[in-house]
Protein backbone atom coordinates (compact mmCIF):
# COMPACT_ATOMS: atom_id res chain seq x y z
CA MET A 1 99.26 99.66 120.42
CA SER A 2 98.86 100.34 116.96
CA LEU A 3 97.92 98.83 113.77
CA SER A 4 99.68 99.82 110.16
CA SER A 5 99.73 98.74 106.90
CA HIS A 6 101.98 99.27 103.63
CA VAL A 7 101.31 97.58 100.06
CA LEU A 8 103.36 97.97 97.43
CA ASP A 9 103.24 97.15 94.25
CA ALA A 10 104.63 94.75 92.24
CA THR A 11 104.88 94.97 89.36
CA SER A 12 105.29 98.70 89.17
CA GLY A 13 107.75 98.98 91.91
CA ALA A 14 106.16 102.29 93.53
CA PRO A 15 103.48 102.25 96.62
CA ALA A 16 99.82 101.23 95.83
CA VAL A 17 98.36 104.73 96.10
CA GLY A 18 95.01 104.62 96.92
CA LEU A 19 93.69 100.81 98.11
CA SER A 20 90.83 100.39 99.95
CA LEU A 21 91.74 98.47 103.15
CA GLN A 22 88.65 97.52 105.64
CA TRP A 23 90.28 96.31 108.94
CA ASP A 24 87.51 93.44 110.77
CA ARG A 25 87.53 91.81 113.99
CA LEU A 26 86.16 88.98 114.65
CA ALA A 27 83.11 88.66 117.29
CA GLU A 28 80.98 85.45 118.61
CA GLU A 29 78.64 87.02 115.82
CA GLY A 30 81.12 86.46 113.51
CA TRP A 31 83.11 89.40 111.75
CA LEU A 32 82.94 92.67 112.83
CA PRO A 33 83.98 96.06 110.88
CA VAL A 34 86.32 98.39 112.94
CA ALA A 35 87.72 100.53 110.31
CA GLY A 36 88.20 101.36 106.88
CA ALA A 37 91.29 103.37 105.65
CA VAL A 38 93.43 104.11 101.70
CA THR A 39 96.96 103.93 101.18
CA ASP A 40 98.64 107.49 101.07
CA ASP A 41 100.98 108.23 98.55
CA ASP A 42 103.41 106.05 100.18
CA GLY A 43 101.20 102.81 99.50
CA ARG A 44 100.22 103.19 103.73
CA VAL A 45 97.83 103.06 106.41
CA ALA A 46 98.59 104.45 109.27
CA ASP A 47 95.82 106.34 110.33
CA TRP A 48 92.36 104.78 110.67
CA GLY A 49 90.35 107.97 111.55
CA GLY A 50 89.47 108.95 115.03
CA SER A 51 86.71 106.80 115.27
CA ALA A 52 89.00 103.84 115.34
CA PRO A 53 89.54 101.79 118.57
CA GLU A 54 92.87 100.63 119.15
CA PRO A 55 93.68 96.55 118.30
CA GLU A 56 92.15 94.58 121.48
CA PRO A 57 93.81 91.22 121.94
CA GLY A 58 91.97 88.48 119.53
CA THR A 59 91.79 87.71 115.88
CA HIS A 60 91.76 90.67 113.24
CA ARG A 61 91.48 90.69 109.72
CA LEU A 62 92.60 93.69 106.71
CA VAL A 63 90.49 93.25 103.85
CA PHE A 64 92.51 94.79 100.90
CA GLY A 65 90.91 95.92 97.95
CA THR A 66 92.80 94.53 95.06
CA GLY A 67 90.24 94.29 92.23
CA LYS A 68 88.96 97.72 92.43
CA TYR A 69 92.88 98.81 92.38
CA PHE A 70 93.83 97.24 89.51
CA ALA A 71 90.85 97.57 87.78
CA ALA A 72 91.25 101.98 88.12
CA ARG A 73 95.31 100.77 86.48
CA ARG A 74 92.94 98.67 83.53
CA GLN A 75 94.90 95.48 84.79
CA THR A 76 93.19 91.88 84.73
CA THR A 77 93.45 90.28 88.55
CA PHE A 78 93.24 86.92 89.54
CA TYR A 79 92.44 88.48 93.06
CA PRO A 80 89.14 90.76 93.95
CA GLU A 81 90.67 90.71 96.91
CA VAL A 82 93.15 90.27 99.89
CA MET A 83 92.07 88.92 103.70
CA VAL A 84 94.80 88.17 105.36
CA VAL A 85 93.53 87.21 109.08
CA PHE A 86 96.31 87.96 112.17
CA GLU A 87 95.82 87.32 116.02
CA VAL A 88 96.56 90.70 118.46
CA THR A 89 98.00 88.82 121.25
CA ASP A 90 99.71 92.00 123.10
CA ALA A 91 97.93 95.16 122.93
CA ASP A 92 100.35 96.63 123.83
CA GLU A 93 102.40 96.52 120.34
CA HIS A 94 102.46 97.61 117.46
CA TYR A 95 101.34 95.05 114.32
CA HIS A 96 101.92 95.98 111.04
CA VAL A 97 100.69 93.88 108.41
CA PRO A 98 102.23 95.13 104.84
CA LEU A 99 101.47 93.39 101.04
CA LEU A 100 103.85 92.75 98.34
CA LEU A 101 100.99 92.37 95.66
CA SER A 102 100.78 91.62 91.99
CA PRO A 103 97.33 91.16 89.53
CA PHE A 104 98.80 87.23 89.85
CA ALA A 105 100.13 86.64 93.28
CA TYR A 106 100.58 88.44 96.94
CA SER A 107 102.68 87.82 99.70
CA THR A 108 103.01 89.40 103.29
CA TYR A 109 103.99 89.04 106.93
CA ARG A 110 104.76 90.42 110.24
CA GLY A 111 106.44 94.13 109.83
CA SER A 112 107.55 96.38 112.35
């Protein structure tokens, strides 16, 4: 099983390059950090670094650093961050969490 993401900046119609993501999982004591990454030149994160574990069944979230992304482009945004909480049910599956982003709206779905 693996976890990936893709972010498209709908205002420019281009990949959101350099946007930070934080991957957390929910444990009894609350949200625990798993790994962090930054989108590549295609707006994608497929590699969470060598120390990132494979997602295990349970509740996970991706926190997208949208405020810093838009600030770097001198754009105002209503959403300083976007959190997408999702459930991993099968450790053998691939989980892809895409984000379509603009300064005042966003959309997500389970990708493939």
